[in-house]
C-alpha atoms as a PDB file:
ATOM      1  CA  MET A   1      20.995 -21.352  15.238  1.00  0.00           C
ATOM      2  CA  VAL A   2      21.473 -18.223  13.147  1.00  0.00           C
ATOM      3  CA  ARG A   3      19.771 -14.994  14.202  1.00  0.00           C
ATOM      4  CA  VAL A   4      18.096 -12.937  11.495  1.00  0.00           C
ATOM      5  CA  SER A   5      16.299  -9.554  11.659  1.00  0.00           C
ATOM      6  CA  PHE A   6      13.658  -8.872   9.042  1.00  0.00           C
ATOM      7  CA  ILE A   7      12.639  -5.265   8.417  1.00  0.00           C
ATOM      8  CA  ALA A   8       9.025  -5.292   7.295  1.00  0.00           C
ATOM      9  CA  THR A   9       7.627  -2.843   4.765  1.00  0.00           C
ATOM     10  CA  ASN A  10       6.155  -0.749   7.635  1.00  0.00           C
ATOM     11  CA  GLY A  11       9.590  -0.475   9.277  1.00  0.00           C
ATOM     12  CA  ASP A  12       8.897  -2.992  12.053  1.00  0.00           C
ATOM     13  CA  ARG A  13      11.821  -5.240  12.926  1.00  0.00           C
ATOM     14  CA  VAL A  14      11.010  -8.923  13.361  1.00  0.00           C
ATOM     15  CA  GLY A  15      13.583 -11.220  14.896  1.00  0.00           C
ATOM     16  CA  ALA A  16      13.845 -14.894  13.939  1.00  0.00           C
ATOM     17  CA  GLU A  17      16.217 -17.828  14.168  1.00  0.00           C
ATOM     18  CA  GLY A  18      17.034 -20.481  11.627  1.00  0.00           C
ATOM     19  CA  ALA A  19      19.029 -23.658  11.737  1.00  0.00           C
ATOM     20  CA  LEU A  20      22.412 -23.885  10.052  1.00  0.00           C
ATOM     21  CA  GLY A  21      21.768 -24.937   6.481  1.00  0.00           C
ATOM     22  CA  ALA A  22      18.213 -23.580   6.367  1.00  0.00           C
ATOM     23  CA  ARG A  23      17.206 -21.352   3.474  1.00  0.00           C
ATOM     24  CA  LEU A  24      16.424 -17.753   4.368  1.00  0.00           C
ATOM     25  CA  LEU A  25      13.045 -18.074   2.598  1.00  0.00           C
ATOM     26  CA  GLU A  26      11.930 -20.763   5.046  1.00  0.00           C
ATOM     27  CA  VAL A  27      13.003 -18.696   8.059  1.00  0.00           C
ATOM     28  CA  ALA A  28      11.190 -15.640   6.677  1.00  0.00           C
ATOM     29  CA  GLN A  29       7.981 -17.548   6.083  1.00  0.00           C
ATOM     30  CA  ALA A  30       8.118 -19.095   9.572  1.00  0.00           C
ATOM     31  CA  ALA A  31       8.499 -15.544  10.979  1.00  0.00           C
ATOM     32  CA  GLY A  32       5.368 -14.426   9.108  1.00  0.00           C
ATOM     33  CA  MET A  33       7.120 -12.379   6.441  1.00  0.00           C
ATOM     34  CA  PRO A  34       5.115 -11.905   3.217  1.00  0.00           C
ATOM     35  CA  LEU A  35       7.488 -13.804   0.915  1.00  0.00           C
ATOM     36  CA  GLU A  36       5.575 -16.221  -1.329  1.00  0.00           C
ATOM     37  CA  GLY A  37       8.346 -18.342  -2.753  1.00  0.00           C
ATOM     38  CA  THR A  38       5.857 -19.385  -5.444  1.00  0.00           C
ATOM     39  CA  CYS A  39       8.340 -21.536  -7.352  1.00  0.00           C
ATOM     40  CA  GLU A  40       9.532 -23.291  -4.176  1.00  0.00           C
ATOM     41  CA  GLY A  41      13.166 -22.273  -4.637  1.00  0.00           C
ATOM     42  CA  GLN A  42      13.508 -23.222  -8.305  1.00  0.00           C
ATOM     43  CA  MET A  43      14.440 -19.651  -9.358  1.00  0.00           C
ATOM     44  CA  ALA A  44      11.430 -19.408 -11.662  1.00  0.00           C
ATOM     45  CA  CYS A  45       9.915 -16.399  -9.938  1.00  0.00           C
ATOM     46  CA  SER A  46      11.071 -13.487  -7.809  1.00  0.00           C
ATOM     47  CA  THR A  47       8.460 -13.631  -5.034  1.00  0.00           C
ATOM     48  CA  CYS A  48      11.143 -14.243  -2.389  1.00  0.00           C
ATOM     49  CA  HIS A  49      13.196 -11.170  -3.352  1.00  0.00           C
ATOM     50  CA  VAL A  50      14.848  -9.429  -0.342  1.00  0.00           C
ATOM     51  CA  ILE A  51      17.223  -6.491  -0.014  1.00  0.00           C
ATOM     52  CA  LEU A  52      20.314  -6.651   2.183  1.00  0.00           C
ATOM     53  CA  PRO A  53      22.470  -3.876   3.590  1.00  0.00           C
ATOM     54  CA  ALA A  54      25.720  -3.636   1.626  1.00  0.00           C
ATOM     55  CA  GLU A  55      27.836  -5.035   4.468  1.00  0.00           C
ATOM     56  CA  TRP A  56      25.746  -8.239   4.582  1.00  0.00           C
ATOM     57  CA  PHE A  57      25.430  -8.493   0.808  1.00  0.00           C
ATOM     58  CA  GLU A  58      29.243  -8.555   0.535  1.00  0.00           C
ATOM     59  CA  ARG A  59      29.434 -11.577   2.871  1.00  0.00           C
ATOM     60  CA  LEU A  60      27.261 -13.792   0.663  1.00  0.00           C
ATOM     61  CA  PRO A  61      28.584 -15.990  -2.116  1.00  0.00           C
ATOM     62  CA  ALA A  62      28.002 -14.395  -5.522  1.00  0.00           C
ATOM     63  CA  ALA A  63      24.585 -14.945  -7.090  1.00  0.00           C
ATOM     64  CA  SER A  64      24.416 -17.449  -9.912  1.00  0.00           C
ATOM     65  CA  GLU A  65      23.618 -16.286 -13.436  1.00  0.00           C
ATOM     66  CA  ASP A  66      20.113 -17.791 -13.080  1.00  0.00           C
ATOM     67  CA  GLU A  67      19.509 -15.835  -9.870  1.00  0.00           C
ATOM     68  CA  GLU A  68      20.781 -12.629 -11.509  1.00  0.00           C
ATOM     69  CA  ASP A  69      18.348 -13.194 -14.388  1.00  0.00           C
ATOM     70  CA  MET A  70      15.413 -13.515 -11.972  1.00  0.00           C
ATOM     71  CA  LEU A  71      16.562 -10.450 -10.014  1.00  0.00           C
ATOM     72  CA  ASP A  72      16.526  -8.458 -13.273  1.00  0.00           C
ATOM     73  CA  LEU A  73      12.753  -9.098 -13.278  1.00  0.00           C
ATOM     74  CA  ALA A  74      12.118  -8.465  -9.567  1.00  0.00           C
ATOM     75  CA  ALA A  75       9.987  -5.437  -8.643  1.00  0.00           C
ATOM     76  CA  GLY A  76      12.064  -2.826  -6.815  1.00  0.00           C
ATOM     77  CA  ALA A  77      15.361  -4.692  -7.187  1.00  0.00           C
ATOM     78  CA  THR A  78      18.495  -2.920  -6.010  1.00  0.00           C
ATOM     79  CA  ARG A  79      22.228  -3.590  -6.254  1.00  0.00           C
ATOM     80  CA  THR A  80      22.024  -5.564  -2.992  1.00  0.00           C
ATOM     81  CA  SER A  81      18.927  -7.618  -3.874  1.00  0.00           C
ATOM     82  CA  ARG A  82      18.960 -11.411  -3.591  1.00  0.00           C
ATOM     83  CA  LEU A  83      16.455 -14.236  -3.755  1.00  0.00           C
ATOM     84  CA  SER A  84      15.959 -15.520  -0.232  1.00  0.00           C
ATOM     85  CA  CYS A  85      15.541 -19.077  -1.530  1.00  0.00           C
ATOM     86  CA  GLN A  86      19.217 -18.962  -2.593  1.00  0.00           C
ATOM     87  CA  ILE A  87      20.632 -17.796   0.760  1.00  0.00           C
ATOM     88  CA  VAL A  88      21.676 -20.724   2.939  1.00  0.00           C
ATOM     89  CA  LEU A  89      22.281 -19.820   6.561  1.00  0.00           C
ATOM     90  CA  ASP A  90      25.709 -20.438   8.013  1.00  0.00           C
ATOM     91  CA  ALA A  91      27.503 -19.232  11.154  1.00  0.00           C
ATOM     92  CA  ALA A  92      28.984 -16.238   9.283  1.00  0.00           C
ATOM     93  CA  LEU A  93      25.435 -14.909   8.746  1.00  0.00           C
ATOM     94  CA  ASP A  94      24.522 -14.785  12.457  1.00  0.00           C
ATOM     95  CA  GLY A  95      22.870 -11.387  13.002  1.00  0.00           C
ATOM     96  CA  LEU A  96      21.861 -11.017   9.319  1.00  0.00           C
ATOM     97  CA  GLU A  97      19.580  -8.072   8.551  1.00  0.00           C
ATOM     98  CA  VAL A  98      17.153  -8.276   5.633  1.00  0.00           C
ATOM     99  CA  ARG A  99      14.643  -5.764   4.278  1.00  0.00           C
ATOM    100  CA  ILE A 100      11.375  -7.004   2.791  1.00  0.00           C
ATOM    101  CA  PRO A 101      10.561  -5.002  -0.372  1.00  0.00           C
ATOM    102  CA  GLY A 102       7.235  -3.230  -0.665  1.00  0.00           C
ATOM    103  CA  GLU A 103       6.201  -5.090  -3.796  1.00  0.00           C
ATOM    104  CA  SER A 104       6.832  -8.335  -5.608  1.00  0.00           C
ATOM    105  CA  ARG A 105       6.225  -9.639  -9.065  1.00  0.00           C
ATOM    106  CA  ASN A 106       5.284 -13.272  -9.715  1.00  0.00           C
ATOM    107  CA  MET A 107       6.799 -14.200 -13.073  1.00  0.00           C
ATOM    108  CA  GLN A 108       4.796 -17.465 -13.157  1.00  0.00           C
ATOM    109  CA  ARG A 109       1.451 -15.658 -13.431  1.00  0.00           C
ATOM    110  CA  ARG A 110       0.282 -14.694 -16.870  1.00  0.00           C
END
């Protein structure tokens, strides 16, 4: 199991655990975090956008070009933003800290 701390928009810290190989989006949703994941991990929206501290961001594999394109459209995106549907938990991420942004933008809605 991989331990993850989510920092909610109100500053509350919510601890959760996910299995090795689980996507961060699934762990966040199971912990009650308000991440929609509208496109179900197909990188067609940015409703699972999260922000990581720089030290954790550096440990992740680089984002794909498709993920970068979606992050360009994410509300409140920062240099250390990622789509949680693209983060697969492994042992090196045990103790991961993730901030939930205060807003999201669903690119599938018109």
